[in-house]
């Protein structure tokens, strides 16, 4: 099978052009995202917050989750130490050796 030099050239040229376009698009998106993040970081209104109620709500949610994790940790310690057992549900089946 004979491969034409022009076909190889245009295939490589198309691949190079597509790669350049994709690289350019990624570079532009990264540049815009970086600018956006820098603006958010340097904005003094955002730094002060102003949403104390929102911050307080988030802290309350976080404290509830920490308390729930502590209760779960206590339960796991009781299970592992043998002070507590998992509740049995449904029918109990006896294991018979075979």
PDB file of N, CA and C in Angstrom:
ATOM      1  N   UNK A   1       0.845  -1.171   0.000  1.00  0.00           N
ATOM      2  CA  UNK A   1       0.000   0.000   0.000  1.00  0.00           C
ATOM      3  C   UNK A   1       0.892   1.236   0.000  1.00  0.00           C
ATOM      4  N   UNK A   2       0.615   2.127  -0.877  1.00  0.00           N
ATOM      5  CA  UNK A   2       1.435   3.302  -1.071  1.00  0.00           C
ATOM      6  C   UNK A   2       0.863   4.468  -0.269  1.00  0.00           C
ATOM      7  N   UNK A   3       1.702   5.091   0.585  1.00  0.00           N
ATOM      8  CA  UNK A   3       1.267   6.236   1.386  1.00  0.00           C
ATOM      9  C   UNK A   3       1.762   7.495   0.702  1.00  0.00           C
ATOM     10  N   UNK A   4       0.848   8.358   0.403  1.00  0.00           N
ATOM     11  CA  UNK A   4       1.164   9.584  -0.291  1.00  0.00           C
ATOM     12  C   UNK A   4       1.798  10.577   0.688  1.00  0.00           C
ATOM     13  N   UNK A   5       2.842  11.268   0.284  1.00  0.00           N
ATOM     14  CA  UNK A   5       3.512  12.231   1.147  1.00  0.00           C
ATOM     15  C   UNK A   5       2.589  13.384   1.536  1.00  0.00           C
ATOM     16  N   UNK A   6       1.728  13.780   0.628  1.00  0.00           N
ATOM     17  CA  UNK A   6       0.807  14.874   0.932  1.00  0.00           C
ATOM     18  C   UNK A   6      -0.183  14.476   2.023  1.00  0.00           C
ATOM     19  N   UNK A   7      -0.641  13.231   2.004  1.00  0.00           N
ATOM     20  CA  UNK A   7      -1.589  12.770   3.010  1.00  0.00           C
ATOM     21  C   UNK A   7      -0.937  12.788   4.403  1.00  0.00           C
ATOM     22  N   UNK A   8       0.295  12.348   4.492  1.00  0.00           N
ATOM     23  CA  UNK A   8       1.017  12.372   5.770  1.00  0.00           C
ATOM     24  C   UNK A   8       1.199  13.811   6.224  1.00  0.00           C
ATOM     25  N   UNK A   9       1.573  14.690   5.315  1.00  0.00           N
ATOM     26  CA  UNK A   9       1.791  16.091   5.655  1.00  0.00           C
ATOM     27  C   UNK A   9       0.515  16.737   6.182  1.00  0.00           C
ATOM     28  N   UNK A  10      -0.588  16.538   5.484  1.00  0.00           N
ATOM     29  CA  UNK A  10      -1.832  17.180   5.908  1.00  0.00           C
ATOM     30  C   UNK A  10      -2.396  16.546   7.185  1.00  0.00           C
ATOM     31  N   UNK A  11      -2.148  15.274   7.379  1.00  0.00           N
ATOM     32  CA  UNK A  11      -2.570  14.630   8.626  1.00  0.00           C
ATOM     33  C   UNK A  11      -1.805  15.213   9.806  1.00  0.00           C
ATOM     34  N   UNK A  12      -0.495  15.326   9.647  1.00  0.00           N
ATOM     35  CA  UNK A  12       0.319  15.914  10.716  1.00  0.00           C
ATOM     36  C   UNK A  12      -0.003  17.395  10.920  1.00  0.00           C
ATOM     37  N   UNK A  13      -0.265  18.105   9.835  1.00  0.00           N
ATOM     38  CA  UNK A  13      -0.622  19.518   9.942  1.00  0.00           C
ATOM     39  C   UNK A  13      -1.951  19.679  10.682  1.00  0.00           C
ATOM     40  N   UNK A  14      -2.918  18.829  10.382  1.00  0.00           N
ATOM     41  CA  UNK A  14      -4.211  18.883  11.073  1.00  0.00           C
ATOM     42  C   UNK A  14      -4.076  18.547  12.552  1.00  0.00           C
ATOM     43  N   UNK A  15      -3.270  17.548  12.859  1.00  0.00           N
ATOM     44  CA  UNK A  15      -3.057  17.182  14.262  1.00  0.00           C
ATOM     45  C   UNK A  15      -2.364  18.312  15.008  1.00  0.00           C
ATOM     46  N   UNK A  16      -1.397  18.951  14.378  1.00  0.00           N
ATOM     47  CA  UNK A  16      -0.690  20.063  15.018  1.00  0.00           C
ATOM     48  C   UNK A  16      -1.631  21.250  15.223  1.00  0.00           C
ATOM     49  N   UNK A  17      -2.471  21.535  14.250  1.00  0.00           N
ATOM     50  CA  UNK A  17      -3.415  22.648  14.373  1.00  0.00           C
ATOM     51  C   UNK A  17      -4.431  22.376  15.484  1.00  0.00           C
ATOM     52  N   UNK A  18      -4.940  21.156  15.542  1.00  0.00           N
ATOM     53  CA  UNK A  18      -5.902  20.806  16.589  1.00  0.00           C
ATOM     54  C   UNK A  18      -5.249  20.897  17.962  1.00  0.00           C
ATOM     55  N   UNK A  19      -4.017  20.425  18.074  1.00  0.00           N
ATOM     56  CA  UNK A  19      -3.301  20.508  19.348  1.00  0.00           C
ATOM     57  C   UNK A  19      -3.077  21.954  19.749  1.00  0.00           C
ATOM     58  N   UNK A  20      -2.721  22.796  18.803  1.00  0.00           N
ATOM     59  CA  UNK A  20      -2.493  24.212  19.104  1.00  0.00           C
ATOM     60  C   UNK A  20      -3.781  24.887  19.557  1.00  0.00           C
ATOM     61  N   UNK A  21      -4.893  24.564  18.907  1.00  0.00           N
ATOM     62  CA  UNK A  21      -6.177  25.152  19.314  1.00  0.00           C
ATOM     63  C   UNK A  21      -6.583  24.699  20.707  1.00  0.00           C
ATOM     64  N   UNK A  22      -6.418  23.430  20.994  1.00  0.00           N
ATOM     65  CA  UNK A  22      -6.764  22.919  22.324  1.00  0.00           C
ATOM     66  C   UNK A  22      -5.865  23.515  23.396  1.00  0.00           C
ATOM     67  N   UNK A  23      -4.586  23.626  23.123  1.00  0.00           N
ATOM     68  CA  UNK A  23      -3.662  24.238  24.073  1.00  0.00           C
ATOM     69  C   UNK A  23      -4.016  25.699  24.308  1.00  0.00           C
ATOM     70  N   UNK A  24      -4.350  26.426  23.250  1.00  0.00           N
ATOM     71  CA  UNK A  24      -4.737  27.834  23.388  1.00  0.00           C
ATOM     72  C   UNK A  24      -6.007  27.996  24.204  1.00  0.00           C
ATOM     73  N   UNK A  25      -6.986  27.143  23.974  1.00  0.00           N
ATOM     74  CA  UNK A  25      -8.232  27.219  24.737  1.00  0.00           C
ATOM     75  C   UNK A  25      -7.981  26.918  26.202  1.00  0.00           C
ATOM     76  N   UNK A  26      -7.165  25.916  26.491  1.00  0.00           N
ATOM     77  CA  UNK A  26      -6.847  25.586  27.884  1.00  0.00           C
ATOM     78  C   UNK A  26      -6.088  26.729  28.547  1.00  0.00           C
ATOM     79  N   UNK A  27      -5.178  27.348  27.823  1.00  0.00           N
ATOM     80  CA  UNK A  27      -4.406  28.458  28.372  1.00  0.00           C
ATOM     81  C   UNK A  27      -5.322  29.643  28.692  1.00  0.00           C
ATOM     82  N   UNK A  28      -6.245  29.977  27.793  1.00  0.00           N
ATOM     83  CA  UNK A  28      -7.169  31.081  28.040  1.00  0.00           C
ATOM     84  C   UNK A  28      -8.066  30.794  29.237  1.00  0.00           C
ATOM     85  N   UNK A  29      -8.577  29.574  29.338  1.00  0.00           N
ATOM     86  CA  UNK A  29      -9.440  29.217  30.464  1.00  0.00           C
ATOM     87  C   UNK A  29      -8.674  29.300  31.779  1.00  0.00           C
ATOM     88  N   UNK A  30      -7.440  28.844  31.780  1.00  0.00           N
ATOM     89  CA  UNK A  30      -6.621  28.898  32.988  1.00  0.00           C
ATOM     90  C   UNK A  30      -6.320  30.338  33.374  1.00  0.00           C
ATOM     91  N   UNK A  31      -6.045  31.160  32.384  1.00  0.00           N
ATOM     92  CA  UNK A  31      -5.743  32.573  32.658  1.00  0.00           C
ATOM     93  C   UNK A  31      -6.968  33.272  33.255  1.00  0.00           C
ATOM     94  N   UNK A  32      -8.156  33.024  32.686  1.00  0.00           N
ATOM     95  CA  UNK A  32      -9.378  33.631  33.222  1.00  0.00           C
ATOM     96  C   UNK A  32      -9.665  33.145  34.630  1.00  0.00           C
ATOM     97  N   UNK A  33      -9.489  31.857  34.858  1.00  0.00           N
ATOM     98  CA  UNK A  33      -9.742  31.290  36.189  1.00  0.00           C
ATOM     99  C   UNK A  33      -8.772  31.865  37.217  1.00  0.00           C
ATOM    100  N   UNK A  34      -7.517  32.001  36.855  1.00  0.00           N
ATOM    101  CA  UNK A  34      -6.522  32.567  37.754  1.00  0.00           C
ATOM    102  C   UNK A  34      -6.843  34.022  38.075  1.00  0.00           C
ATOM    103  N   UNK A  35      -7.237  34.777  37.081  1.00  0.00           N
ATOM    104  CA  UNK A  35      -7.617  36.177  37.305  1.00  0.00           C
ATOM    105  C   UNK A  35      -8.823  36.259  38.236  1.00  0.00           C
ATOM    106  N   UNK A  36      -9.793  35.398  38.013  1.00  0.00           N
ATOM    107  CA  UNK A  36     -10.986  35.376  38.863  1.00  0.00           C
ATOM    108  C   UNK A  36     -10.621  35.047  40.310  1.00  0.00           C
ATOM    109  N   UNK A  37      -9.760  34.056  40.504  1.00  0.00           N
ATOM    110  CA  UNK A  37      -9.366  33.678  41.861  1.00  0.00           C
ATOM    111  C   UNK A  37      -8.531  34.769  42.528  1.00  0.00           C
ATOM    112  N   UNK A  38      -7.675  35.431  41.775  1.00  0.00           N
ATOM    113  CA  UNK A  38      -6.903  36.534  42.337  1.00  0.00           C
ATOM    114  C   UNK A  38      -7.809  37.685  42.744  1.00  0.00           C
ATOM    115  N   UNK A  39      -8.819  37.976  41.923  1.00  0.00           N
ATOM    116  CA  UNK A  39      -9.761  39.040  42.271  1.00  0.00           C
ATOM    117  C   UNK A  39     -10.528  38.701  43.543  1.00  0.00           C
ATOM    118  N   UNK A  40     -10.925  37.447  43.676  1.00  0.00           N
ATOM    119  CA  UNK A  40     -11.630  37.038  44.900  1.00  0.00           C
ATOM    120  C   UNK A  40     -10.723  37.135  46.114  1.00  0.00           C
ATOM    121  N   UNK A  41      -9.457  36.794  45.939  1.00  0.00           N
ATOM    122  CA  UNK A  41      -8.514  36.824  47.050  1.00  0.00           C
ATOM    123  C   UNK A  41      -8.198  38.250  47.492  1.00  0.00           C
ATOM    124  N   UNK A  42      -8.093  39.155  46.542  1.00  0.00           N
ATOM    125  CA  UNK A  42      -7.692  40.521  46.851  1.00  0.00           C
ATOM    126  C   UNK A  42      -8.860  41.461  47.127  1.00  0.00           C
ATOM    127  N   UNK A  43     -10.093  40.992  46.988  1.00  0.00           N
ATOM    128  CA  UNK A  43     -11.267  41.834  47.213  1.00  0.00           C
ATOM    129  C   UNK A  43     -11.453  42.064  48.711  1.00  0.00           C
ATOM    130  N   UNK A  44     -11.331  43.320  49.180  1.00  0.00           N
ATOM    131  CA  UNK A  44     -11.441  43.567  50.617  1.00  0.00           C
ATOM    132  C   UNK A  44     -12.842  43.309  51.169  1.00  0.00           C
ATOM    133  N   UNK A  45     -13.875  43.467  50.365  1.00  0.00           N
ATOM    134  CA  UNK A  45     -15.234  43.213  50.846  1.00  0.00           C
ATOM    135  C   UNK A  45     -15.422  41.735  51.160  1.00  0.00           C
ATOM    136  N   UNK A  46     -14.843  40.879  50.353  1.00  0.00           N
ATOM    137  CA  UNK A  46     -14.937  39.437  50.612  1.00  0.00           C
ATOM    138  C   UNK A  46     -14.068  39.038  51.794  1.00  0.00           C
ATOM    139  N   UNK A  47     -12.950  39.714  51.969  1.00  0.00           N
ATOM    140  CA  UNK A  47     -12.043  39.363  53.058  1.00  0.00           C
ATOM    141  C   UNK A  47     -12.703  39.627  54.410  1.00  0.00           C
ATOM    142  N   UNK A  48     -13.433  40.729  54.501  1.00  0.00           N
ATOM    143  CA  UNK A  48     -14.128  41.044  55.754  1.00  0.00           C
ATOM    144  C   UNK A  48     -15.319  40.144  55.969  1.00  0.00           C
ATOM    145  N   UNK A  49     -15.856  39.634  54.917  1.00  0.00           N
ATOM    146  CA  UNK A  49     -16.999  38.733  55.038  1.00  0.00           C
ATOM    147  C   UNK A  49     -18.298  39.486  54.931  1.00  0.00           C
ATOM    148  N   UNK A  50     -18.766  40.026  56.040  1.00  0.00           N
ATOM    149  CA  UNK A  50     -20.036  40.725  56.014  1.00  0.00           C
ATOM    150  C   UNK A  50     -21.207  39.795  56.227  1.00  0.00           C
ATOM    151  N   UNK A  51     -21.005  38.515  56.069  1.00  0.00           N
ATOM    152  CA  UNK A  51     -22.063  37.541  56.256  1.00  0.00           C
ATOM    153  C   UNK A  51     -21.808  36.769  57.543  1.00  0.00           C
ATOM    154  N   UNK A  52     -21.915  37.467  58.674  1.00  0.00           N
ATOM    155  CA  UNK A  52     -21.681  36.811  59.959  1.00  0.00           C
ATOM    156  C   UNK A  52     -22.739  35.755  60.238  1.00  0.00           C
ATOM    157  N   UNK A  53     -23.967  35.990  59.783  1.00  0.00           N
ATOM    158  CA  UNK A  53     -25.026  35.003  60.000  1.00  0.00           C
ATOM    159  C   UNK A  53     -24.717  33.721  59.235  1.00  0.00           C
ATOM    160  N   UNK A  54     -24.204  33.864  58.026  1.00  0.00           N
ATOM    161  CA  UNK A  54     -23.845  32.697  57.231  1.00  0.00           C
ATOM    162  C   UNK A  54     -22.702  31.939  57.886  1.00  0.00           C
ATOM    163  N   UNK A  55     -21.719  32.669  58.378  1.00  0.00           N
ATOM    164  CA  UNK A  55     -20.591  32.044  59.052  1.00  0.00           C
ATOM    165  C   UNK A  55     -21.053  31.331  60.322  1.00  0.00           C
ATOM    166  N   UNK A  56     -21.936  31.953  61.061  1.00  0.00           N
ATOM    167  CA  UNK A  56     -22.447  31.346  62.282  1.00  0.00           C
ATOM    168  C   UNK A  56     -23.239  30.071  61.972  1.00  0.00           C
ATOM    169  N   UNK A  57     -24.023  30.100  60.918  1.00  0.00           N
ATOM    170  CA  UNK A  57     -24.770  28.915  60.506  1.00  0.00           C
ATOM    171  C   UNK A  57     -23.850  27.768  60.117  1.00  0.00           C
ATOM    172  N   UNK A  58     -22.791  28.090  59.393  1.00  0.00           N
ATOM    173  CA  UNK A  58     -21.833  27.058  58.998  1.00  0.00           C
ATOM    174  C   UNK A  58     -21.129  26.471  60.213  1.00  0.00           C
ATOM    175  N   UNK A  59     -20.790  27.338  61.177  1.00  0.00           N
ATOM    176  CA  UNK A  59     -20.143  26.845  62.391  1.00  0.00           C
ATOM    177  C   UNK A  59     -21.079  25.948  63.189  1.00  0.00           C
ATOM    178  N   UNK A  60     -22.357  26.299  63.244  1.00  0.00           N
ATOM    179  CA  UNK A  60     -23.329  25.457  63.946  1.00  0.00           C
ATOM    180  C   UNK A  60     -23.455  24.096  63.265  1.00  0.00           C
ATOM    181  N   UNK A  61     -23.528  24.093  61.939  1.00  0.00           N
ATOM    182  CA  UNK A  61     -23.600  22.825  61.206  1.00  0.00           C
ATOM    183  C   UNK A  61     -22.351  21.978  61.461  1.00  0.00           C
ATOM    184  N   UNK A  62     -21.204  22.636  61.458  1.00  0.00           N
ATOM    185  CA  UNK A  62     -19.958  21.928  61.699  1.00  0.00           C
ATOM    186  C   UNK A  62     -19.915  21.340  63.104  1.00  0.00           C
ATOM    187  N   UNK A  63     -20.377  22.088  64.092  1.00  0.00           N
ATOM    188  CA  UNK A  63     -20.365  21.571  65.463  1.00  0.00           C
ATOM    189  C   UNK A  63     -21.326  20.391  65.612  1.00  0.00           C
ATOM    190  N   UNK A  64     -22.464  20.432  64.919  1.00  0.00           N
ATOM    191  CA  UNK A  64     -23.384  19.301  64.954  1.00  0.00           C
ATOM    192  C   UNK A  64     -22.758  18.052  64.330  1.00  0.00           C
ATOM    193  N   UNK A  65     -22.058  18.233  63.247  1.00  0.00           N
ATOM    194  CA  UNK A  65     -21.412  17.094  62.600  1.00  0.00           C
ATOM    195  C   UNK A  65     -20.296  16.509  63.457  1.00  0.00           C
ATOM    196  N   UNK A  66     -19.548  17.380  64.124  1.00  0.00           N
ATOM    197  CA  UNK A  66     -18.478  16.906  65.009  1.00  0.00           C
ATOM    198  C   UNK A  66     -19.078  16.122  66.168  1.00  0.00           C
ATOM    199  N   UNK A  67     -20.178  16.606  66.731  1.00  0.00           N
ATOM    200  CA  UNK A  67     -20.843  15.898  67.824  1.00  0.00           C
ATOM    201  C   UNK A  67     -21.352  14.537  67.345  1.00  0.00           C
ATOM    202  N   UNK A  68     -21.884  14.490  66.130  1.00  0.00           N
ATOM    203  CA  UNK A  68     -22.366  13.222  65.572  1.00  0.00           C
ATOM    204  C   UNK A  68     -21.205  12.253  65.368  1.00  0.00           C
ATOM    205  N   UNK A  69     -20.079  12.752  64.906  1.00  0.00           N
ATOM    206  CA  UNK A  69     -18.905  11.893  64.743  1.00  0.00           C
ATOM    207  C   UNK A  69     -18.416  11.374  66.094  1.00  0.00           C
ATOM    208  N   UNK A  70     -18.472  12.212  67.117  1.00  0.00           N
ATOM    209  CA  UNK A  70     -18.044  11.779  68.453  1.00  0.00           C
ATOM    210  C   UNK A  70     -18.953  10.674  68.972  1.00  0.00           C
ATOM    211  N   UNK A  71     -20.260  10.809  68.768  1.00  0.00           N
ATOM    212  CA  UNK A  71     -21.186   9.754  69.195  1.00  0.00           C
ATOM    213  C   UNK A  71     -20.908   8.455  68.435  1.00  0.00           C
ATOM    214  N   UNK A  72     -20.641   8.566  67.154  1.00  0.00           N
ATOM    215  CA  UNK A  72     -20.317   7.389  66.361  1.00  0.00           C
ATOM    216  C   UNK A  72     -19.024   6.732  66.826  1.00  0.00           C
ATOM    217  N   UNK A  73     -18.041   7.539  67.189  1.00  0.00           N
ATOM    218  CA  UNK A  73     -16.773   7.010  67.685  1.00  0.00           C
ATOM    219  C   UNK A  73     -16.976   6.280  69.010  1.00  0.00           C
ATOM    220  N   UNK A  74     -17.779   6.851  69.898  1.00  0.00           N
ATOM    221  CA  UNK A  74     -18.082   6.184  71.164  1.00  0.00           C
ATOM    222  C   UNK A  74     -18.770   4.846  70.921  1.00  0.00           C
ATOM    223  N   UNK A  75     -19.725   4.820  70.001  1.00  0.00           N
ATOM    224  CA  UNK A  75     -20.433   3.586  69.677  1.00  0.00           C
ATOM    225  C   UNK A  75     -19.463   2.532  69.152  1.00  0.00           C
ATOM    226  N   UNK A  76     -18.569   2.928  68.260  1.00  0.00           N
ATOM    227  CA  UNK A  76     -17.603   1.989  67.704  1.00  0.00           C
ATOM    228  C   UNK A  76     -16.677   1.449  68.797  1.00  0.00           C
ATOM    229  N   UNK A  77     -16.259   2.299  69.723  1.00  0.00           N
ATOM    230  CA  UNK A  77     -15.402   1.840  70.816  1.00  0.00           C
ATOM    231  C   UNK A  77     -16.141   0.834  71.691  1.00  0.00           C
ATOM    232  N   UNK A  78     -17.422   1.080  71.932  1.00  0.00           N
ATOM    233  CA  UNK A  78     -18.206   0.139  72.730  1.00  0.00           C
ATOM    234  C   UNK A  78     -18.374  -1.181  71.997  1.00  0.00           C
ATOM    235  N   UNK A  79     -18.576  -1.142  70.702  1.00  0.00           N
ATOM    236  CA  UNK A  79     -18.689  -2.376  69.925  1.00  0.00           C
ATOM    237  C   UNK A  79     -17.398  -3.178  69.971  1.00  0.00           C
ATOM    238  N   UNK A  80     -16.293  -2.490  69.772  1.00  0.00           N
ATOM    239  CA  UNK A  80     -15.010  -3.176  69.717  1.00  0.00           C
ATOM    240  C   UNK A  80     -14.577  -3.709  71.083  1.00  0.00           C
ATOM    241  N   UNK A  81     -14.981  -3.033  72.160  1.00  0.00           N
ATOM    242  CA  UNK A  81     -14.592  -3.497  73.491  1.00  0.00           C
ATOM    243  C   UNK A  81     -15.524  -4.582  74.015  1.00  0.00           C
ATOM    244  N   UNK A  82     -16.649  -4.810  73.350  1.00  0.00           N
ATOM    245  CA  UNK A  82     -17.586  -5.843  73.761  1.00  0.00           C
ATOM    246  C   UNK A  82     -18.640  -5.366  74.733  1.00  0.00           C
ATOM    247  N   UNK A  83     -18.678  -4.085  75.030  1.00  0.00           N
ATOM    248  CA  UNK A  83     -19.685  -3.548  75.945  1.00  0.00           C
ATOM    249  C   UNK A  83     -21.052  -3.444  75.280  1.00  0.00           C
ATOM    250  N   UNK A  84     -21.075  -3.456  73.972  1.00  0.00           N
ATOM    251  CA  UNK A  84     -22.323  -3.296  73.244  1.00  0.00           C
ATOM    252  C   UNK A  84     -22.316  -4.222  72.042  1.00  0.00           C
ATOM    253  N   UNK A  85     -23.499  -4.688  71.652  1.00  0.00           N
ATOM    254  CA  UNK A  85     -23.636  -5.551  70.477  1.00  0.00           C
ATOM    255  C   UNK A  85     -24.581  -4.905  69.478  1.00  0.00           C
ATOM    256  N   UNK A  86     -24.417  -5.289  68.252  1.00  0.00           N
ATOM    257  CA  UNK A  86     -25.331  -4.815  67.218  1.00  0.00           C
ATOM    258  C   UNK A  86     -26.692  -5.454  67.421  1.00  0.00           C
ATOM    259  N   UNK A  87     -27.770  -4.708  67.182  1.00  0.00           N
ATOM    260  CA  UNK A  87     -29.099  -5.295  67.323  1.00  0.00           C
ATOM    261  C   UNK A  87     -29.327  -6.360  66.253  1.00  0.00           C
ATOM    262  N   UNK A  88     -29.964  -7.448  66.644  1.00  0.00           N
ATOM    263  CA  UNK A  88     -30.270  -8.529  65.709  1.00  0.00           C
ATOM    264  C   UNK A  88     -31.616  -8.242  65.059  1.00  0.00           C
ATOM    265  N   UNK A  89     -31.681  -8.392  63.771  1.00  0.00           N
ATOM    266  CA  UNK A  89     -32.933  -8.167  63.060  1.00  0.00           C
ATOM    267  C   UNK A  89     -33.235  -9.372  62.190  1.00  0.00           C
ATOM    268  N   UNK A  90     -34.505  -9.666  62.038  1.00  0.00           N
ATOM    269  CA  UNK A  90     -34.915 -10.768  61.181  1.00  0.00           C
ATOM    270  C   UNK A  90     -34.718 -12.105  61.854  1.00  0.00           C
ATOM    271  N   UNK A  91     -34.767 -13.145  61.053  1.00  0.00           N
ATOM    272  CA  UNK A  91     -34.624 -14.503  61.568  1.00  0.00           C
ATOM    273  C   UNK A  91     -33.150 -14.803  61.827  1.00  0.00           C
ATOM    274  N   UNK A  92     -32.922 -15.559  62.853  1.00  0.00           N
ATOM    275  CA  UNK A  92     -31.560 -15.995  63.125  1.00  0.00           C
ATOM    276  C   UNK A  92     -31.371 -17.381  62.548  1.00  0.00           C
ATOM    277  N   UNK A  93     -30.330 -17.582  61.845  1.00  0.00           N
ATOM    278  CA  UNK A  93     -30.039 -18.858  61.209  1.00  0.00           C
ATOM    279  C   UNK A  93     -28.852 -19.486  61.924  1.00  0.00           C
ATOM    280  N   UNK A  94     -28.963 -20.763  62.193  1.00  0.00           N
ATOM    281  CA  UNK A  94     -27.848 -21.472  62.805  1.00  0.00           C
ATOM    282  C   UNK A  94     -26.916 -21.951  61.720  1.00  0.00           C
ATOM    283  N   UNK A  95     -25.666 -21.834  61.976  1.00  0.00           N
ATOM    284  CA  UNK A  95     -24.661 -22.301  61.021  1.00  0.00           C
ATOM    285  C   UNK A  95     -24.341 -23.750  61.370  1.00  0.00           C
ATOM    286  N   UNK A  96     -24.516 -24.604  60.424  1.00  0.00           N
ATOM    287  CA  UNK A  96     -24.223 -26.020  60.644  1.00  0.00           C
ATOM    288  C   UNK A  96     -22.962 -26.366  59.890  1.00  0.00           C
ATOM    289  N   UNK A  97     -22.068 -27.100  60.525  1.00  0.00           N
ATOM    290  CA  UNK A  97     -20.851 -27.485  59.802  1.00  0.00           C
ATOM    291  C   UNK A  97     -21.173 -28.502  58.714  1.00  0.00           C
ATOM    292  N   UNK A  98     -20.497 -28.408  57.611  1.00  0.00           N
ATOM    293  CA  UNK A  98     -20.771 -29.341  56.513  1.00  0.00           C
ATOM    294  C   UNK A  98     -19.610 -30.243  56.255  1.00  0.00           C
TER     295      UNK A  98
END
